[in-house]
Amino acid sequence: MDTEANFSGRARYRTIYYGASPAGLDNTSTNESENASTNSSVKSRLVPTIDFDEIYEGDYSIARRILISGASRYDRPHLNVTKGLEGIEEETLPWGSDEPHLPGETKTRKIAAYAIGIENDGNRALGPIRVQDLFPKGAGYLRSSLRPTEMTAESCNWTLTHLAIGDVAEIEIELDVTGCPGPELTNRVFVCAGEGDEEICAANFSSLEIGWLSWPSDEISGAKAGELDEAEGGREDCGGWSLPSWDFERLGSGADLACEPASAEDDLGLCS
């Protein structure tokens, strides 16, 4: 909070900050006629986290900056960076006038939504904060919650002025991943704060394995059968029942599914 004042005479400068309200006071409901009395009652029960009070007399020109921050987790400058894939959605697009297509054919693209979290959990305020997001191979930028300061075909950059102790900045970004080749969809983020010898950096990434089963169909069928082995009396630990056998069937096209039957040493067959 920045304050500038020029005055002559007598003046009072006071800053009061109330932290989290005690239990039972957060959801106090009031109507318009009760606001004044209720607000006064609630404030009388709260103890301010910060109460900075000064009185001046004379001719003054004052410039102040107050920065309220949280508690630090580290006794040194530190950044905590998170990167998460929130989901991939398919979007239908209109055909262009010069795009050939069959009647009834649809044009779609896949949009991946990512979230970047930057937390200053160190012991001092940091700035400036430089953020670089490296796109997955073949991905393209669509939009973000914060306007980029610089963009290329493979990356996007932002610059934040500062982060106070305990502050968290979040950036949401959407990418067109329709043309991304396999086998992985990996999005990386690098964050640096400060300048020169006092610069600190952190990084994180989100990776999604694409088509890790290499399966032409989304479905398989499995069946299990067990029978009582009367000749040998079966396995004692199974109450006389022999170990069940497993049969798998691929419902799609392509090579057959190989299945190793269960044995006396294994509780489950191994399929590959």
Protein backbone atom coordinates (compact mmCIF):
# COMPACT_ATOMS: atom_id res chain seq x y z
CA MET A 1 0.00 0.00 0.00
CA ASP A 2 1.52 3.33 -1.10
CA THR A 3 0.70 6.62 0.63
CA GLU A 4 1.84 10.16 -0.21
CA ALA A 5 0.78 13.27 1.72
CA ASN A 6 1.78 16.95 1.96
CA PHE A 7 0.33 18.95 4.85
CA SER A 8 0.82 21.70 7.44
CA GLY A 9 -0.52 21.53 10.96
CA ARG A 10 -1.53 18.39 12.83
CA ALA A 11 -2.16 15.00 11.22
CA ARG A 12 -2.58 11.39 12.27
CA TYR A 13 -1.30 8.46 10.23
CA ARG A 14 -2.71 5.07 11.21
CA THR A 15 -2.64 1.66 9.54
CA ILE A 16 -4.76 -1.19 10.91
CA TYR A 17 -4.78 -4.71 9.51
CA TYR A 18 -7.11 -7.47 10.67
CA GLY A 19 -6.03 -11.03 9.88
CA ALA A 20 -8.27 -14.12 9.70
CA SER A 21 -11.43 -13.72 11.77
CA PRO A 22 -12.00 -15.95 14.80
CA ALA A 23 -14.34 -18.91 14.37
CA GLY A 24 -17.95 -17.88 14.12
CA LEU A 25 -17.28 -14.36 12.85
CA ASP A 26 -16.53 -15.10 9.20
CA ASN A 27 -20.10 -15.84 8.21
CA THR A 28 -21.85 -13.13 10.19
CA SER A 29 -24.99 -12.20 8.26
CA THR A 30 -26.47 -8.72 8.47
CA ASN A 31 -29.08 -6.65 6.73
CA GLU A 32 -28.66 -3.04 5.69
CA SER A 33 -30.17 -1.56 8.85
CA GLU A 34 -27.92 -3.69 11.08
CA ASN A 35 -24.63 -3.11 9.25
CA ALA A 36 -23.33 -0.23 11.35
CA SER A 37 -24.04 -1.78 14.75
CA THR A 38 -22.93 -5.28 13.74
CA ASN A 39 -19.67 -4.10 12.14
CA SER A 40 -18.87 -2.12 15.27
CA SER A 41 -19.60 -5.15 17.46
CA VAL A 42 -17.50 -7.50 15.35
CA LYS A 43 -14.52 -5.12 15.24
CA SER A 44 -14.66 -4.69 19.01
CA ARG A 45 -14.11 -8.45 19.38
CA LEU A 46 -11.19 -8.58 16.91
CA VAL A 47 -7.59 -7.86 17.77
CA PRO A 48 -5.75 -6.20 14.86
CA THR A 49 -2.73 -8.05 13.55
CA ILE A 50 -1.06 -4.71 12.77
CA ASP A 51 -1.83 -1.35 14.39
CA PHE A 52 0.58 1.36 13.26
CA ASP A 53 -0.34 4.80 14.69
CA GLU A 54 1.61 8.09 14.44
CA ILE A 55 0.76 11.77 14.99
CA TYR A 56 2.57 14.61 13.20
CA GLU A 57 2.66 18.37 13.86
CA GLY A 58 4.26 20.91 11.54
CA ASP A 59 5.01 20.95 7.83
CA TYR A 60 5.46 17.50 6.28
CA SER A 61 5.84 15.74 2.98
CA ILE A 62 5.39 12.00 3.58
CA ALA A 63 5.78 9.03 1.25
CA ARG A 64 5.23 5.55 2.66
CA ARG A 65 4.96 2.01 1.36
CA ILE A 66 3.55 -0.77 3.52
CA LEU A 67 3.96 -4.38 2.42
CA ILE A 68 2.03 -6.98 4.42
CA SER A 69 3.40 -10.50 3.98
CA GLY A 70 2.89 -13.97 5.40
CA ALA A 71 5.21 -16.30 7.28
CA SER A 72 8.18 -17.86 5.50
CA ARG A 73 8.97 -21.58 5.33
CA TYR A 74 12.68 -21.07 4.65
CA ASP A 75 15.31 -18.88 6.31
CA ARG A 76 16.65 -17.91 2.89
CA PRO A 77 15.18 -16.65 -0.41
CA HIS A 78 13.18 -19.50 -1.95
CA LEU A 79 10.57 -20.14 -4.66
CA ASN A 80 8.10 -23.00 -4.88
CA VAL A 81 6.84 -23.65 -8.42
CA THR A 82 4.01 -26.00 -9.40
CA LYS A 83 2.81 -27.03 -12.85
CA GLY A 84 -0.34 -29.08 -13.41
CA LEU A 85 -2.43 -30.32 -16.31
CA GLU A 86 -6.05 -29.52 -15.47
CA GLY A 87 -7.54 -31.35 -18.44
CA ILE A 88 -7.70 -31.84 -22.19
CA GLU A 89 -10.90 -30.97 -24.05
CA GLU A 90 -11.91 -31.33 -27.66
CA GLU A 91 -13.27 -28.21 -29.35
CA THR A 92 -15.28 -28.11 -32.58
CA LEU A 93 -14.19 -25.43 -35.04
CA PRO A 94 -15.96 -23.94 -38.07
CA TRP A 95 -14.60 -24.78 -41.51
CA GLY A 96 -12.89 -22.02 -43.45
CA SER A 97 -14.24 -21.00 -46.83
CA ASP A 98 -11.14 -22.37 -48.56
CA GLU A 99 -10.91 -25.64 -46.58
CA PRO A 100 -12.10 -28.73 -48.48
CA HIS A 101 -14.15 -31.18 -46.43
CA LEU A 102 -16.80 -33.88 -46.83
CA PRO A 103 -20.47 -33.26 -45.97
CA GLY A 104 -21.03 -33.92 -42.28
CA GLU A 105 -17.29 -33.92 -41.50
CA THR A 106 -16.31 -32.03 -38.35
CA LYS A 107 -13.18 -30.04 -37.64
CA THR A 108 -11.85 -30.36 -34.08
CA ARG A 109 -8.81 -29.52 -32.02
CA LYS A 110 -7.55 -30.65 -28.61
CA ILE A 111 -6.98 -27.99 -25.97
CA ALA A 112 -4.80 -28.66 -22.91
CA ALA A 113 -5.33 -26.39 -19.89
CA TYR A 114 -2.33 -25.93 -17.58
CA ALA A 115 -1.96 -24.07 -14.28
CA ILE A 116 1.30 -22.53 -13.06
CA GLY A 117 1.70 -21.71 -9.36
CA ILE A 118 4.54 -19.52 -8.04
CA GLU A 119 4.91 -19.11 -4.26
CA ASN A 120 7.45 -17.03 -2.40
CA ASP A 121 8.03 -19.19 0.68
CA GLY A 122 11.42 -17.66 1.49
CA ASN A 123 12.37 -15.00 4.01
CA ARG A 124 12.30 -11.86 1.83
CA ALA A 125 10.31 -10.24 -0.94
CA LEU A 126 11.41 -11.11 -4.47
CA GLY A 127 11.33 -9.22 -7.74
CA PRO A 128 11.21 -9.06 -10.61
CA ILE A 129 9.84 -12.57 -11.29
CA ARG A 130 10.54 -13.97 -14.76
CA VAL A 131 8.43 -16.93 -15.88
CA GLN A 132 9.06 -19.05 -18.99
CA ASP A 133 6.71 -21.81 -20.15
CA LEU A 134 8.14 -24.30 -22.66
CA PHE A 135 5.38 -25.88 -24.76
CA PRO A 136 5.17 -29.58 -25.59
CA LYS A 137 6.60 -30.40 -29.01
CA GLY A 138 4.05 -29.50 -31.67
CA ALA A 139 1.81 -27.46 -29.32
CA GLY A 140 0.64 -23.91 -29.99
CA TYR A 141 -0.32 -21.03 -27.69
CA LEU A 142 -4.01 -20.13 -27.51
CA ARG A 143 -4.57 -17.89 -24.48
CA SER A 144 -3.54 -17.27 -20.87
CA SER A 145 -4.88 -15.51 -17.77
CA LEU A 146 -1.95 -13.07 -17.81
CA ARG A 147 -0.79 -11.25 -20.93
CA PRO A 148 2.65 -12.53 -22.03
CA THR A 149 5.57 -10.11 -22.25
CA GLU A 150 7.28 -12.22 -24.92
CA MET A 151 6.28 -15.15 -27.13
CA THR A 152 7.92 -17.57 -29.55
CA ALA A 153 6.61 -20.63 -31.37
CA GLU A 154 7.94 -22.90 -28.59
CA SER A 155 7.59 -20.78 -25.43
CA CYS A 156 5.81 -18.00 -23.61
CA ASN A 157 7.28 -15.51 -21.09
CA TRP A 158 5.79 -13.35 -18.34
CA THR A 159 7.36 -10.83 -15.95
CA LEU A 160 5.87 -10.15 -12.50
CA THR A 161 6.96 -7.06 -10.59
CA HIS A 162 7.37 -8.71 -7.17
CA LEU A 163 6.16 -11.35 -4.73
CA ALA A 164 5.95 -10.59 -1.02
CA ILE A 165 6.73 -13.25 1.57
CA GLY A 166 3.93 -15.83 1.42
CA ASP A 167 2.44 -14.45 -1.79
CA VAL A 168 1.26 -16.84 -4.51
CA ALA A 169 0.87 -15.97 -8.19
CA GLU A 170 -1.12 -18.19 -10.55
CA ILE A 171 -1.06 -18.25 -14.34
CA GLU A 172 -3.46 -20.32 -16.41
CA ILE A 173 -2.52 -21.17 -19.98
CA GLU A 174 -4.28 -23.08 -22.76
CA LEU A 175 -2.40 -24.81 -25.58
CA ASP A 176 -3.48 -26.42 -28.83
CA VAL A 177 -2.04 -29.95 -28.59
CA THR A 178 -3.79 -31.43 -31.64
CA GLY A 179 -0.56 -31.86 -33.57
CA CYS A 180 1.61 -33.09 -30.70
CA PRO A 181 3.39 -36.35 -31.54
CA GLY A 182 3.79 -39.14 -28.96
CA PRO A 183 4.77 -40.69 -26.77
CA GLU A 184 4.63 -37.93 -24.10
CA LEU A 185 2.97 -34.56 -23.67
CA THR A 186 5.44 -32.62 -21.50
CA ASN A 187 5.06 -28.98 -20.49
CA ARG A 188 7.89 -27.30 -18.54
CA VAL A 189 8.07 -24.06 -16.59
CA PHE A 190 11.15 -22.14 -15.38
CA VAL A 191 10.97 -19.27 -12.89
CA CYS A 192 13.77 -16.91 -11.81
CA ALA A 193 13.64 -14.00 -9.36
CA GLY A 194 16.10 -11.26 -8.50
CA GLU A 195 19.19 -10.11 -10.32
CA GLY A 196 22.88 -11.05 -10.51
CA ASP A 197 24.34 -12.94 -7.55
CA GLU A 198 21.01 -12.77 -5.70
CA GLU A 199 19.06 -14.51 -8.47
CA ILE A 200 17.21 -17.69 -7.48
CA CYS A 201 15.47 -20.11 -9.84
CA ALA A 202 13.02 -23.00 -9.67
CA ALA A 203 11.39 -25.29 -12.24
CA ASN A 204 8.71 -27.92 -12.61
CA PHE A 205 6.94 -29.88 -15.34
CA SER A 206 3.78 -31.80 -16.19
CA SER A 207 4.00 -34.95 -18.31
CA LEU A 208 1.22 -37.09 -19.75
CA GLU A 209 2.05 -40.36 -21.50
CA ILE A 210 0.02 -40.61 -24.70
CA GLY A 211 -1.39 -43.99 -25.79
CA TRP A 212 0.80 -45.89 -23.34
CA LEU A 213 -1.05 -49.15 -24.04
CA SER A 214 -0.69 -48.83 -27.84
CA TRP A 215 -4.17 -50.30 -28.01
CA PRO A 216 -6.35 -49.98 -31.15
CA SER A 217 -9.50 -50.41 -29.07
CA ASP A 218 -10.63 -48.95 -25.78
CA GLU A 219 -12.05 -52.27 -24.57
CA ILE A 220 -10.81 -55.71 -23.60
CA SER A 221 -12.71 -58.73 -22.32
CA GLY A 222 -11.48 -60.84 -19.40
CA ALA A 223 -12.75 -64.13 -17.98
CA LYS A 224 -11.65 -66.22 -14.99
CA ALA A 225 -12.48 -69.86 -14.25
CA GLY A 226 -11.64 -72.15 -11.31
CA GLU A 227 -12.28 -75.85 -10.74
CA LEU A 228 -11.91 -78.37 -7.95
CA ASP A 229 -8.96 -80.73 -8.51
CA GLU A 230 -10.41 -84.01 -7.18
CA ALA A 231 -7.38 -86.12 -8.13
CA GLU A 232 -4.86 -84.13 -6.16
CA GLY A 233 -7.22 -82.63 -3.63
CA GLY A 234 -6.49 -79.09 -4.77
CA ARG A 235 -4.45 -76.49 -2.94
CA GLU A 236 -4.86 -76.56 0.82
CA ASP A 237 -4.58 -72.77 1.11
CA CYS A 238 -7.47 -72.43 -1.38
CA GLY A 239 -9.82 -74.83 0.39
CA GLY A 240 -9.28 -77.57 -2.19
CA TRP A 241 -9.69 -75.31 -5.21
CA SER A 242 -7.03 -75.15 -7.89
CA LEU A 243 -5.58 -71.80 -8.98
CA PRO A 244 -7.95 -70.11 -11.46
CA SER A 245 -6.95 -69.61 -15.08
CA TRP A 246 -7.33 -66.32 -16.94
CA ASP A 247 -8.46 -65.75 -20.51
CA PHE A 248 -8.22 -62.36 -22.24
CA GLU A 249 -9.62 -61.26 -25.57
CA ARG A 250 -8.82 -58.09 -27.44
CA LEU A 251 -11.98 -56.58 -28.91
CA GLY A 252 -10.12 -54.37 -31.37
CA SER A 253 -7.99 -55.26 -34.36
CA GLY A 254 -4.25 -55.91 -34.39
CA ALA A 255 -1.91 -58.44 -32.83
CA ASP A 256 -3.28 -60.90 -30.31
CA LEU A 257 -2.89 -60.29 -26.60
CA ALA A 258 -0.25 -62.59 -25.11
CA CYS A 259 -1.17 -64.03 -21.74
CA GLU A 260 0.96 -66.16 -19.44
CA PRO A 261 -1.24 -68.52 -17.42
CA ALA A 262 -1.19 -68.41 -13.65
CA SER A 263 1.17 -70.81 -11.91
CA ALA A 264 1.41 -72.26 -8.42
CA GLU A 265 4.03 -69.63 -7.55
CA ASP A 266 1.99 -66.65 -8.80
CA ASP A 267 -1.35 -65.36 -7.61
CA LEU A 268 -2.08 -63.74 -10.97
CA GLY A 269 -1.11 -64.41 -14.57
CA LEU A 270 1.20 -61.95 -16.32
CA CYS A 271 -0.12 -60.38 -19.51
CA SER A 272 1.80 -58.29 -22.01
